[in-house]
Amino acid sequence: MHRHFGLTRFIDFLSAERLGLNDGFDAMVLNSVANVGKALTILPDYSVIACYLDNDEAGRAALARLRRELGDKVMDKSALYPDHKDLNDYLVATQPKISNNSKLKL
C-alpha cells in the first residue's frame, strides 16, 4: 500500500487545501524547517513525501536533508510555485479574491 505524506508550514497547508493539493493525504505542519529532525521519526513509514517548502535557502537546505535521510521518495513540490516564496504567495497571486459583501450587524 502506498502512503502519501505532505510536509509544509501551516499557512501553506491551508493554501494546499484551497488548491486541492492535499487530496486526503496525511500532512505534517512543520511551522519551521527547524522541526525537520522531529519529522524524520515519522516519515520513514511513508512511500511518498511531498514537500511544499519555501523557495529560499532554508527550504532548499531542509529538502536536501530530507533527501539525504529518506532518498527518492521525497518529492520537491516547490516547482509548482517557482516564482513565489511559498505556496501561499502563489495562491494569493493567482487565485481570485473571495469577496464577502455582507456586513455584520449587531
PDB file of N, CA and C in Angstrom:
ATOM      1  N   MET A   1       0.844  -1.180   0.000  1.00  0.00           N
ATOM      2  CA  MET A   1       0.000   0.000   0.000  1.00  0.00           C
ATOM      3  C   MET A   1       0.887   1.239   0.000  1.00  0.00           C
ATOM      4  N   HIS A   2       0.595   2.173  -0.885  1.00  0.00           N
ATOM      5  CA  HIS A   2       1.347   3.417  -0.943  1.00  0.00           C
ATOM      6  C   HIS A   2       0.737   4.415   0.029  1.00  0.00           C
ATOM      7  N   ARG A   3       1.593   4.990   0.851  1.00  0.00           N
ATOM      8  CA  ARG A   3       1.136   6.021   1.776  1.00  0.00           C
ATOM      9  C   ARG A   3       1.798   7.331   1.380  1.00  0.00           C
ATOM     10  N   HIS A   4       0.994   8.365   1.210  1.00  0.00           N
ATOM     11  CA  HIS A   4       1.495   9.666   0.791  1.00  0.00           C
ATOM     12  C   HIS A   4       1.453  10.630   1.958  1.00  0.00           C
ATOM     13  N   PHE A   5       2.419  11.520   1.963  1.00  0.00           N
ATOM     14  CA  PHE A   5       2.565  12.435   3.075  1.00  0.00           C
ATOM     15  C   PHE A   5       2.965  13.795   2.537  1.00  0.00           C
ATOM     16  N   GLY A   6       2.364  14.858   3.053  1.00  0.00           N
ATOM     17  CA  GLY A   6       2.728  16.219   2.667  1.00  0.00           C
ATOM     18  C   GLY A   6       3.405  16.931   3.823  1.00  0.00           C
ATOM     19  N   LEU A   7       4.425  17.695   3.514  1.00  0.00           N
ATOM     20  CA  LEU A   7       5.213  18.385   4.527  1.00  0.00           C
ATOM     21  C   LEU A   7       5.226  19.870   4.195  1.00  0.00           C
ATOM     22  N   THR A   8       4.796  20.719   5.128  1.00  0.00           N
ATOM     23  CA  THR A   8       4.633  22.133   4.833  1.00  0.00           C
ATOM     24  C   THR A   8       4.536  22.971   6.100  1.00  0.00           C
ATOM     25  N   ARG A   9       4.356  24.286   5.918  1.00  0.00           N
ATOM     26  CA  ARG A   9       4.043  25.190   7.029  1.00  0.00           C
ATOM     27  C   ARG A   9       2.523  25.325   7.105  1.00  0.00           C
ATOM     28  N   PHE A  10       1.995  25.852   8.214  1.00  0.00           N
ATOM     29  CA  PHE A  10       0.543  25.889   8.415  1.00  0.00           C
ATOM     30  C   PHE A  10      -0.167  26.686   7.329  1.00  0.00           C
ATOM     31  N   ILE A  11       0.293  27.895   7.037  1.00  0.00           N
ATOM     32  CA  ILE A  11      -0.391  28.713   6.036  1.00  0.00           C
ATOM     33  C   ILE A  11      -0.319  28.053   4.665  1.00  0.00           C
ATOM     34  N   ASP A  12       0.778  27.375   4.387  1.00  0.00           N
ATOM     35  CA  ASP A  12       0.894  26.667   3.113  1.00  0.00           C
ATOM     36  C   ASP A  12       0.004  25.426   3.081  1.00  0.00           C
ATOM     37  N   PHE A  13      -0.207  24.802   4.236  1.00  0.00           N
ATOM     38  CA  PHE A  13      -1.156  23.686   4.325  1.00  0.00           C
ATOM     39  C   PHE A  13      -2.560  24.164   3.955  1.00  0.00           C
ATOM     40  N   LEU A  14      -2.952  25.314   4.505  1.00  0.00           N
ATOM     41  CA  LEU A  14      -4.270  25.874   4.180  1.00  0.00           C
ATOM     42  C   LEU A  14      -4.357  26.228   2.699  1.00  0.00           C
ATOM     43  N   SER A  15      -3.278  26.756   2.153  1.00  0.00           N
ATOM     44  CA  SER A  15      -3.255  27.073   0.722  1.00  0.00           C
ATOM     45  C   SER A  15      -3.378  25.798  -0.105  1.00  0.00           C
ATOM     46  N   ALA A  16      -2.690  24.748   0.296  1.00  0.00           N
ATOM     47  CA  ALA A  16      -2.781  23.465  -0.411  1.00  0.00           C
ATOM     48  C   ALA A  16      -4.203  22.925  -0.356  1.00  0.00           C
ATOM     49  N   GLU A  17      -4.857  23.088   0.769  1.00  0.00           N
ATOM     50  CA  GLU A  17      -6.261  22.676   0.881  1.00  0.00           C
ATOM     51  C   GLU A  17      -7.119  23.452  -0.110  1.00  0.00           C
ATOM     52  N   ARG A  18      -6.923  24.760  -0.161  1.00  0.00           N
ATOM     53  CA  ARG A  18      -7.692  25.624  -1.063  1.00  0.00           C
ATOM     54  C   ARG A  18      -7.460  25.234  -2.521  1.00  0.00           C
ATOM     55  N   LEU A  19      -6.237  24.856  -2.848  1.00  0.00           N
ATOM     56  CA  LEU A  19      -5.885  24.478  -4.219  1.00  0.00           C
ATOM     57  C   LEU A  19      -6.199  23.017  -4.537  1.00  0.00           C
ATOM     58  N   GLY A  20      -6.650  22.255  -3.545  1.00  0.00           N
ATOM     59  CA  GLY A  20      -6.986  20.852  -3.763  1.00  0.00           C
ATOM     60  C   GLY A  20      -5.779  19.942  -3.890  1.00  0.00           C
ATOM     61  N   LEU A  21      -4.657  20.326  -3.303  1.00  0.00           N
ATOM     62  CA  LEU A  21      -3.432  19.537  -3.446  1.00  0.00           C
ATOM     63  C   LEU A  21      -3.282  18.440  -2.403  1.00  0.00           C
ATOM     64  N   ASN A  22      -3.937  18.550  -1.272  1.00  0.00           N
ATOM     65  CA  ASN A  22      -3.759  17.561  -0.202  1.00  0.00           C
ATOM     66  C   ASN A  22      -4.475  16.254  -0.510  1.00  0.00           C
ATOM     67  N   ASP A  23      -5.616  16.322  -1.145  1.00  0.00           N
ATOM     68  CA  ASP A  23      -6.336  15.148  -1.634  1.00  0.00           C
ATOM     69  C   ASP A  23      -6.443  14.024  -0.609  1.00  0.00           C
ATOM     70  N   GLY A  24      -6.643  14.375   0.659  1.00  0.00           N
ATOM     71  CA  GLY A  24      -6.830  13.367   1.690  1.00  0.00           C
ATOM     72  C   GLY A  24      -5.565  12.711   2.193  1.00  0.00           C
ATOM     73  N   PHE A  25      -4.405  13.175   1.746  1.00  0.00           N
ATOM     74  CA  PHE A  25      -3.145  12.609   2.214  1.00  0.00           C
ATOM     75  C   PHE A  25      -2.870  13.040   3.648  1.00  0.00           C
ATOM     76  N   ASP A  26      -2.078  12.263   4.341  1.00  0.00           N
ATOM     77  CA  ASP A  26      -1.593  12.686   5.649  1.00  0.00           C
ATOM     78  C   ASP A  26      -0.733  13.927   5.447  1.00  0.00           C
ATOM     79  N   ALA A  27      -0.691  14.794   6.452  1.00  0.00           N
ATOM     80  CA  ALA A  27       0.113  16.006   6.336  1.00  0.00           C
ATOM     81  C   ALA A  27       0.758  16.329   7.675  1.00  0.00           C
ATOM     82  N   MET A  28       1.908  16.950   7.597  1.00  0.00           N
ATOM     83  CA  MET A  28       2.598  17.415   8.798  1.00  0.00           C
ATOM     84  C   MET A  28       2.913  18.895   8.597  1.00  0.00           C
ATOM     85  N   VAL A  29       2.486  19.705   9.552  1.00  0.00           N
ATOM     86  CA  VAL A  29       2.779  21.128   9.536  1.00  0.00           C
ATOM     87  C   VAL A  29       4.017  21.343  10.391  1.00  0.00           C
ATOM     88  N   LEU A  30       5.080  21.804   9.754  1.00  0.00           N
ATOM     89  CA  LEU A  30       6.350  21.980  10.457  1.00  0.00           C
ATOM     90  C   LEU A  30       6.404  23.281  11.254  1.00  0.00           C
ATOM     91  N   ASN A  31       5.746  24.335  10.766  1.00  0.00           N
ATOM     92  CA  ASN A  31       5.851  25.690  11.295  1.00  0.00           C
ATOM     93  C   ASN A  31       7.235  26.277  11.107  1.00  0.00           C
ATOM     94  N   SER A  32       8.253  25.475  11.057  1.00  0.00           N
ATOM     95  CA  SER A  32       9.618  25.924  10.831  1.00  0.00           C
ATOM     96  C   SER A  32      10.430  24.739  10.318  1.00  0.00           C
ATOM     97  N   VAL A  33      11.363  25.004   9.410  1.00  0.00           N
ATOM     98  CA  VAL A  33      12.204  23.917   8.926  1.00  0.00           C
ATOM     99  C   VAL A  33      13.120  23.410  10.035  1.00  0.00           C
ATOM    100  N   ALA A  34      13.210  24.139  11.129  1.00  0.00           N
ATOM    101  CA  ALA A  34      13.987  23.665  12.279  1.00  0.00           C
ATOM    102  C   ALA A  34      13.398  22.384  12.856  1.00  0.00           C
ATOM    103  N   ASN A  35      12.155  22.084  12.518  1.00  0.00           N
ATOM    104  CA  ASN A  35      11.480  20.885  13.029  1.00  0.00           C
ATOM    105  C   ASN A  35      11.633  19.665  12.122  1.00  0.00           C
ATOM    106  N   VAL A  36      12.436  19.750  11.089  1.00  0.00           N
ATOM    107  CA  VAL A  36      12.632  18.618  10.173  1.00  0.00           C
ATOM    108  C   VAL A  36      13.146  17.395  10.932  1.00  0.00           C
ATOM    109  N   GLY A  37      14.047  17.588  11.872  1.00  0.00           N
ATOM    110  CA  GLY A  37      14.585  16.465  12.644  1.00  0.00           C
ATOM    111  C   GLY A  37      13.499  15.687  13.362  1.00  0.00           C
ATOM    112  N   LYS A  38      12.525  16.389  13.925  1.00  0.00           N
ATOM    113  CA  LYS A  38      11.401  15.723  14.600  1.00  0.00           C
ATOM    114  C   LYS A  38      10.556  14.949  13.599  1.00  0.00           C
ATOM    115  N   ALA A  39      10.408  15.505  12.399  1.00  0.00           N
ATOM    116  CA  ALA A  39       9.601  14.846  11.367  1.00  0.00           C
ATOM    117  C   ALA A  39      10.239  13.543  10.901  1.00  0.00           C
ATOM    118  N   LEU A  40      11.556  13.482  10.957  1.00  0.00           N
ATOM    119  CA  LEU A  40      12.262  12.291  10.470  1.00  0.00           C
ATOM    120  C   LEU A  40      11.939  11.029  11.260  1.00  0.00           C
ATOM    121  N   THR A  41      11.370  11.145  12.438  1.00  0.00           N
ATOM    122  CA  THR A  41      10.991   9.957  13.211  1.00  0.00           C
ATOM    123  C   THR A  41       9.720   9.310  12.657  1.00  0.00           C
ATOM    124  N   ILE A  42       8.911  10.075  11.945  1.00  0.00           N
ATOM    125  CA  ILE A  42       7.623   9.594  11.434  1.00  0.00           C
ATOM    126  C   ILE A  42       7.691   9.247   9.953  1.00  0.00           C
ATOM    127  N   LEU A  43       8.466   9.983   9.199  1.00  0.00           N
ATOM    128  CA  LEU A  43       8.439   9.903   7.739  1.00  0.00           C
ATOM    129  C   LEU A  43       8.912   8.598   7.099  1.00  0.00           C
ATOM    130  N   PRO A  44       9.794   7.821   7.693  1.00  0.00           N
ATOM    131  CA  PRO A  44      10.241   6.596   7.011  1.00  0.00           C
ATOM    132  C   PRO A  44       9.124   5.614   6.657  1.00  0.00           C
ATOM    133  N   ASP A  45       7.993   5.667   7.335  1.00  0.00           N
ATOM    134  CA  ASP A  45       6.886   4.753   7.062  1.00  0.00           C
ATOM    135  C   ASP A  45       6.111   5.101   5.794  1.00  0.00           C
ATOM    136  N   TYR A  46       6.379   6.244   5.193  1.00  0.00           N
ATOM    137  CA  TYR A  46       5.629   6.695   4.021  1.00  0.00           C
ATOM    138  C   TYR A  46       6.391   6.403   2.744  1.00  0.00           C
ATOM    139  N   SER A  47       5.642   6.070   1.686  1.00  0.00           N
ATOM    140  CA  SER A  47       6.277   5.757   0.408  1.00  0.00           C
ATOM    141  C   SER A  47       6.509   7.002  -0.442  1.00  0.00           C
ATOM    142  N   VAL A  48       5.735   8.048  -0.227  1.00  0.00           N
ATOM    143  CA  VAL A  48       5.885   9.305  -0.955  1.00  0.00           C
ATOM    144  C   VAL A  48       5.767  10.447   0.043  1.00  0.00           C
ATOM    145  N   ILE A  49       6.718  11.368  -0.021  1.00  0.00           N
ATOM    146  CA  ILE A  49       6.712  12.532   0.861  1.00  0.00           C
ATOM    147  C   ILE A  49       6.777  13.766  -0.023  1.00  0.00           C
ATOM    148  N   ALA A  50       5.659  14.475  -0.130  1.00  0.00           N
ATOM    149  CA  ALA A  50       5.567  15.670  -0.966  1.00  0.00           C
ATOM    150  C   ALA A  50       5.892  16.884  -0.106  1.00  0.00           C
ATOM    151  N   CYS A  51       6.917  17.629  -0.487  1.00  0.00           N
ATOM    152  CA  CYS A  51       7.383  18.770   0.304  1.00  0.00           C
ATOM    153  C   CYS A  51       6.996  20.080  -0.371  1.00  0.00           C
ATOM    154  N   TYR A  52       6.183  20.851   0.313  1.00  0.00           N
ATOM    155  CA  TYR A  52       5.773  22.185  -0.135  1.00  0.00           C
ATOM    156  C   TYR A  52       6.530  23.197   0.719  1.00  0.00           C
ATOM    157  N   LEU A  53       7.836  23.250   0.528  1.00  0.00           N
ATOM    158  CA  LEU A  53       8.694  24.100   1.347  1.00  0.00           C
ATOM    159  C   LEU A  53       8.963  25.417   0.633  1.00  0.00           C
ATOM    160  N   ASP A  54       9.455  26.394   1.388  1.00  0.00           N
ATOM    161  CA  ASP A  54       9.729  27.717   0.828  1.00  0.00           C
ATOM    162  C   ASP A  54      10.839  27.667  -0.217  1.00  0.00           C
ATOM    163  N   ASN A  55      10.746  28.550  -1.185  1.00  0.00           N
ATOM    164  CA  ASN A  55      11.777  28.726  -2.203  1.00  0.00           C
ATOM    165  C   ASN A  55      12.852  29.676  -1.684  1.00  0.00           C
ATOM    166  N   ASP A  56      13.521  29.262  -0.638  1.00  0.00           N
ATOM    167  CA  ASP A  56      14.611  30.057  -0.082  1.00  0.00           C
ATOM    168  C   ASP A  56      15.707  29.108   0.391  1.00  0.00           C
ATOM    169  N   GLU A  57      16.762  29.663   0.922  1.00  0.00           N
ATOM    170  CA  GLU A  57      17.894  28.838   1.338  1.00  0.00           C
ATOM    171  C   GLU A  57      17.499  27.811   2.399  1.00  0.00           C
ATOM    172  N   ALA A  58      16.706  28.229   3.377  1.00  0.00           N
ATOM    173  CA  ALA A  58      16.287  27.311   4.447  1.00  0.00           C
ATOM    174  C   ALA A  58      15.422  26.181   3.898  1.00  0.00           C
ATOM    175  N   GLY A  59      14.516  26.490   2.982  1.00  0.00           N
ATOM    176  CA  GLY A  59      13.673  25.461   2.382  1.00  0.00           C
ATOM    177  C   GLY A  59      14.475  24.465   1.567  1.00  0.00           C
ATOM    178  N   ARG A  60      15.432  24.975   0.793  1.00  0.00           N
ATOM    179  CA  ARG A  60      16.276  24.084  -0.012  1.00  0.00           C
ATOM    180  C   ARG A  60      17.172  23.208   0.871  1.00  0.00           C
ATOM    181  N   ALA A  61      17.673  23.783   1.975  1.00  0.00           N
ATOM    182  CA  ALA A  61      18.510  23.002   2.898  1.00  0.00           C
ATOM    183  C   ALA A  61      17.687  21.903   3.568  1.00  0.00           C
ATOM    184  N   ALA A  62      16.453  22.218   3.948  1.00  0.00           N
ATOM    185  CA  ALA A  62      15.583  21.211   4.564  1.00  0.00           C
ATOM    186  C   ALA A  62      15.274  20.096   3.577  1.00  0.00           C
ATOM    187  N   LEU A  63      14.998  20.459   2.333  1.00  0.00           N
ATOM    188  CA  LEU A  63      14.735  19.460   1.301  1.00  0.00           C
ATOM    189  C   LEU A  63      15.953  18.569   1.088  1.00  0.00           C
ATOM    190  N   ALA A  64      17.132  19.155   1.046  1.00  0.00           N
ATOM    191  CA  ALA A  64      18.362  18.374   0.868  1.00  0.00           C
ATOM    192  C   ALA A  64      18.555  17.397   2.020  1.00  0.00           C
ATOM    193  N   ARG A  65      18.287  17.832   3.238  1.00  0.00           N
ATOM    194  CA  ARG A  65      18.418  16.936   4.396  1.00  0.00           C
ATOM    195  C   ARG A  65      17.428  15.785   4.300  1.00  0.00           C
ATOM    196  N   LEU A  66      16.190  16.094   3.954  1.00  0.00           N
ATOM    197  CA  LEU A  66      15.183  15.045   3.816  1.00  0.00           C
ATOM    198  C   LEU A  66      15.587  14.030   2.751  1.00  0.00           C
ATOM    199  N   ARG A  67      16.126  14.507   1.647  1.00  0.00           N
ATOM    200  CA  ARG A  67      16.556  13.590   0.588  1.00  0.00           C
ATOM    201  C   ARG A  67      17.754  12.747   1.013  1.00  0.00           C
ATOM    202  N   ARG A  68      18.665  13.342   1.775  1.00  0.00           N
ATOM    203  CA  ARG A  68      19.803  12.553   2.281  1.00  0.00           C
ATOM    204  C   ARG A  68      19.315  11.440   3.196  1.00  0.00           C
ATOM    205  N   GLU A  69      18.353  11.745   4.031  1.00  0.00           N
ATOM    206  CA  GLU A  69      17.858  10.780   5.026  1.00  0.00           C
ATOM    207  C   GLU A  69      16.880   9.764   4.437  1.00  0.00           C
ATOM    208  N   LEU A  70      16.053  10.205   3.475  1.00  0.00           N
ATOM    209  CA  LEU A  70      14.935   9.370   3.025  1.00  0.00           C
ATOM    210  C   LEU A  70      14.965   9.003   1.547  1.00  0.00           C
ATOM    211  N   GLY A  71      15.874   9.581   0.801  1.00  0.00           N
ATOM    212  CA  GLY A  71      16.050   9.194  -0.591  1.00  0.00           C
ATOM    213  C   GLY A  71      15.017   9.740  -1.554  1.00  0.00           C
ATOM    214  N   ASP A  72      14.787   8.938  -2.607  1.00  0.00           N
ATOM    215  CA  ASP A  72      13.970   9.363  -3.743  1.00  0.00           C
ATOM    216  C   ASP A  72      12.482   9.501  -3.453  1.00  0.00           C
ATOM    217  N   LYS A  73      12.029   9.036  -2.325  1.00  0.00           N
ATOM    218  CA  LYS A  73      10.598   9.177  -2.043  1.00  0.00           C
ATOM    219  C   LYS A  73      10.228  10.606  -1.643  1.00  0.00           C
ATOM    220  N   VAL A  74      11.231  11.457  -1.436  1.00  0.00           N
ATOM    221  CA  VAL A  74      10.999  12.866  -1.111  1.00  0.00           C
ATOM    222  C   VAL A  74      10.825  13.629  -2.418  1.00  0.00           C
ATOM    223  N   MET A  75       9.674  14.263  -2.576  1.00  0.00           N
ATOM    224  CA  MET A  75       9.346  15.000  -3.796  1.00  0.00           C
ATOM    225  C   MET A  75       9.324  16.499  -3.519  1.00  0.00           C
ATOM    226  N   ASP A  76      10.039  17.257  -4.319  1.00  0.00           N
ATOM    227  CA  ASP A  76      10.065  18.710  -4.204  1.00  0.00           C
ATOM    228  C   ASP A  76       8.893  19.287  -4.972  1.00  0.00           C
ATOM    229  N   LYS A  77       7.902  19.793  -4.286  1.00  0.00           N
ATOM    230  CA  LYS A  77       6.720  20.355  -4.922  1.00  0.00           C
ATOM    231  C   LYS A  77       6.829  21.858  -5.147  1.00  0.00           C
ATOM    232  N   SER A  78       7.962  22.461  -4.776  1.00  0.00           N
ATOM    233  CA  SER A  78       8.115  23.904  -4.958  1.00  0.00           C
ATOM    234  C   SER A  78       8.153  24.292  -6.431  1.00  0.00           C
ATOM    235  N   ALA A  79       8.322  23.337  -7.333  1.00  0.00           N
ATOM    236  CA  ALA A  79       8.271  23.629  -8.766  1.00  0.00           C
ATOM    237  C   ALA A  79       6.882  24.124  -9.181  1.00  0.00           C
ATOM    238  N   LEU A  80       5.872  23.871  -8.360  1.00  0.00           N
ATOM    239  CA  LEU A  80       4.525  24.373  -8.636  1.00  0.00           C
ATOM    240  C   LEU A  80       4.444  25.887  -8.481  1.00  0.00           C
ATOM    241  N   TYR A  81       5.358  26.469  -7.725  1.00  0.00           N
ATOM    242  CA  TYR A  81       5.340  27.909  -7.453  1.00  0.00           C
ATOM    243  C   TYR A  81       6.757  28.499  -7.555  1.00  0.00           C
ATOM    244  N   PRO A  82       7.404  28.330  -8.726  1.00  0.00           N
ATOM    245  CA  PRO A  82       8.813  28.720  -8.856  1.00  0.00           C
ATOM    246  C   PRO A  82       9.083  30.214  -8.722  1.00  0.00           C
ATOM    247  N   ASP A  83       8.116  31.043  -9.048  1.00  0.00           N
ATOM    248  CA  ASP A  83       8.319  32.492  -8.993  1.00  0.00           C
ATOM    249  C   ASP A  83       7.758  33.120  -7.723  1.00  0.00           C
ATOM    250  N   HIS A  84       7.492  32.279  -6.734  1.00  0.00           N
ATOM    251  CA  HIS A  84       6.895  32.755  -5.480  1.00  0.00           C
ATOM    252  C   HIS A  84       7.667  32.194  -4.300  1.00  0.00           C
ATOM    253  N   LYS A  85       7.639  32.914  -3.190  1.00  0.00           N
ATOM    254  CA  LYS A  85       8.368  32.484  -1.998  1.00  0.00           C
ATOM    255  C   LYS A  85       7.848  31.151  -1.472  1.00  0.00           C
ATOM    256  N   ASP A  86       6.538  30.993  -1.495  1.00  0.00           N
ATOM    257  CA  ASP A  86       5.936  29.776  -0.966  1.00  0.00           C
ATOM    258  C   ASP A  86       4.580  29.543  -1.610  1.00  0.00           C
ATOM    259  N   LEU A  87       3.928  28.479  -1.209  1.00  0.00           N
ATOM    260  CA  LEU A  87       2.642  28.107  -1.801  1.00  0.00           C
ATOM    261  C   LEU A  87       1.572  29.148  -1.524  1.00  0.00           C
ATOM    262  N   ASN A  88       1.580  29.758  -0.348  1.00  0.00           N
ATOM    263  CA  ASN A  88       0.593  30.777  -0.035  1.00  0.00           C
ATOM    264  C   ASN A  88       0.773  32.014  -0.912  1.00  0.00           C
ATOM    265  N   ASP A  89       2.005  32.454  -1.122  1.00  0.00           N
ATOM    266  CA  ASP A  89       2.243  33.588  -2.023  1.00  0.00           C
ATOM    267  C   ASP A  89       1.727  33.277  -3.422  1.00  0.00           C
ATOM    268  N   TYR A  90       1.913  32.050  -3.869  1.00  0.00           N
ATOM    269  CA  TYR A  90       1.403  31.618  -5.169  1.00  0.00           C
ATOM    270  C   TYR A  90      -0.121  31.709  -5.203  1.00  0.00           C
ATOM    271  N   LEU A  91      -0.763  31.206  -4.163  1.00  0.00           N
ATOM    272  CA  LEU A  91      -2.220  31.238  -4.097  1.00  0.00           C
ATOM    273  C   LEU A  91      -2.740  32.671  -4.151  1.00  0.00           C
ATOM    274  N   VAL A  92      -2.164  33.538  -3.353  1.00  0.00           N
ATOM    275  CA  VAL A  92      -2.595  34.933  -3.313  1.00  0.00           C
ATOM    276  C   VAL A  92      -2.422  35.602  -4.675  1.00  0.00           C
ATOM    277  N   ALA A  93      -1.339  35.281  -5.358  1.00  0.00           N
ATOM    278  CA  ALA A  93      -1.049  35.908  -6.648  1.00  0.00           C
ATOM    279  C   ALA A  93      -1.903  35.371  -7.793  1.00  0.00           C
ATOM    280  N   THR A  94      -2.375  34.147  -7.690  1.00  0.00           N
ATOM    281  CA  THR A  94      -3.022  33.526  -8.841  1.00  0.00           C
ATOM    282  C   THR A  94      -4.513  33.256  -8.696  1.00  0.00           C
ATOM    283  N   GLN A  95      -5.025  33.242  -7.507  1.00  0.00           N
ATOM    284  CA  GLN A  95      -6.440  32.926  -7.311  1.00  0.00           C
ATOM    285  C   GLN A  95      -7.252  34.196  -7.124  1.00  0.00           C
ATOM    286  N   PRO A  96      -8.460  34.213  -7.661  1.00  0.00           N
ATOM    287  CA  PRO A  96      -9.307  35.395  -7.458  1.00  0.00           C
ATOM    288  C   PRO A  96      -9.651  35.542  -5.976  1.00  0.00           C
ATOM    289  N   LYS A  97      -9.717  36.776  -5.554  1.00  0.00           N
ATOM    290  CA  LYS A  97     -10.053  37.044  -4.155  1.00  0.00           C
ATOM    291  C   LYS A  97     -11.526  36.718  -3.915  1.00  0.00           C
ATOM    292  N   ILE A  98     -11.809  36.160  -2.768  1.00  0.00           N
ATOM    293  CA  ILE A  98     -13.183  35.871  -2.378  1.00  0.00           C
ATOM    294  C   ILE A  98     -13.718  37.085  -1.658  1.00  0.00           C
ATOM    295  N   SER A  99     -14.777  37.620  -2.160  1.00  0.00           N
ATOM    296  CA  SER A  99     -15.351  38.832  -1.583  1.00  0.00           C
ATOM    297  C   SER A  99     -16.549  38.473  -0.719  1.00  0.00           C
ATOM    298  N   ASN A 100     -16.606  39.111   0.414  1.00  0.00           N
ATOM    299  CA  ASN A 100     -17.746  38.948   1.306  1.00  0.00           C
ATOM    300  C   ASN A 100     -18.374  40.327   1.453  1.00  0.00           C
ATOM    301  N   ASN A 101     -19.415  40.568   0.678  1.00  0.00           N
ATOM    302  CA  ASN A 101     -20.037  41.890   0.671  1.00  0.00           C
ATOM    303  C   ASN A 101     -21.043  42.086   1.793  1.00  0.00           C
ATOM    304  N   SER A 102     -21.348  41.028   2.521  1.00  0.00           N
ATOM    305  CA  SER A 102     -22.323  41.181   3.606  1.00  0.00           C
ATOM    306  C   SER A 102     -21.684  41.916   4.751  1.00  0.00           C
ATOM    307  N   LYS A 103     -22.455  42.717   5.414  1.00  0.00           N
ATOM    308  CA  LYS A 103     -21.968  43.486   6.561  1.00  0.00           C
ATOM    309  C   LYS A 103     -22.489  42.857   7.838  1.00  0.00           C
ATOM    310  N   LEU A 104     -21.653  42.828   8.819  1.00  0.00           N
ATOM    311  CA  LEU A 104     -22.014  42.272  10.117  1.00  0.00           C
ATOM    312  C   LEU A 104     -22.875  43.278  10.856  1.00  0.00           C
ATOM    313  N   LYS A 105     -24.043  42.860  11.270  1.00  0.00           N
ATOM    314  CA  LYS A 105     -24.942  43.730  12.035  1.00  0.00           C
ATOM    315  C   LYS A 105     -25.096  43.146  13.422  1.00  0.00           C
ATOM    316  N   LEU A 106     -24.886  43.967  14.384  1.00  0.00           N
ATOM    317  CA  LEU A 106     -25.013  43.519  15.771  1.00  0.00           C
ATOM    318  C   LEU A 106     -26.293  43.994  16.376  1.00  0.00           C
TER     319      LEU A 106
END
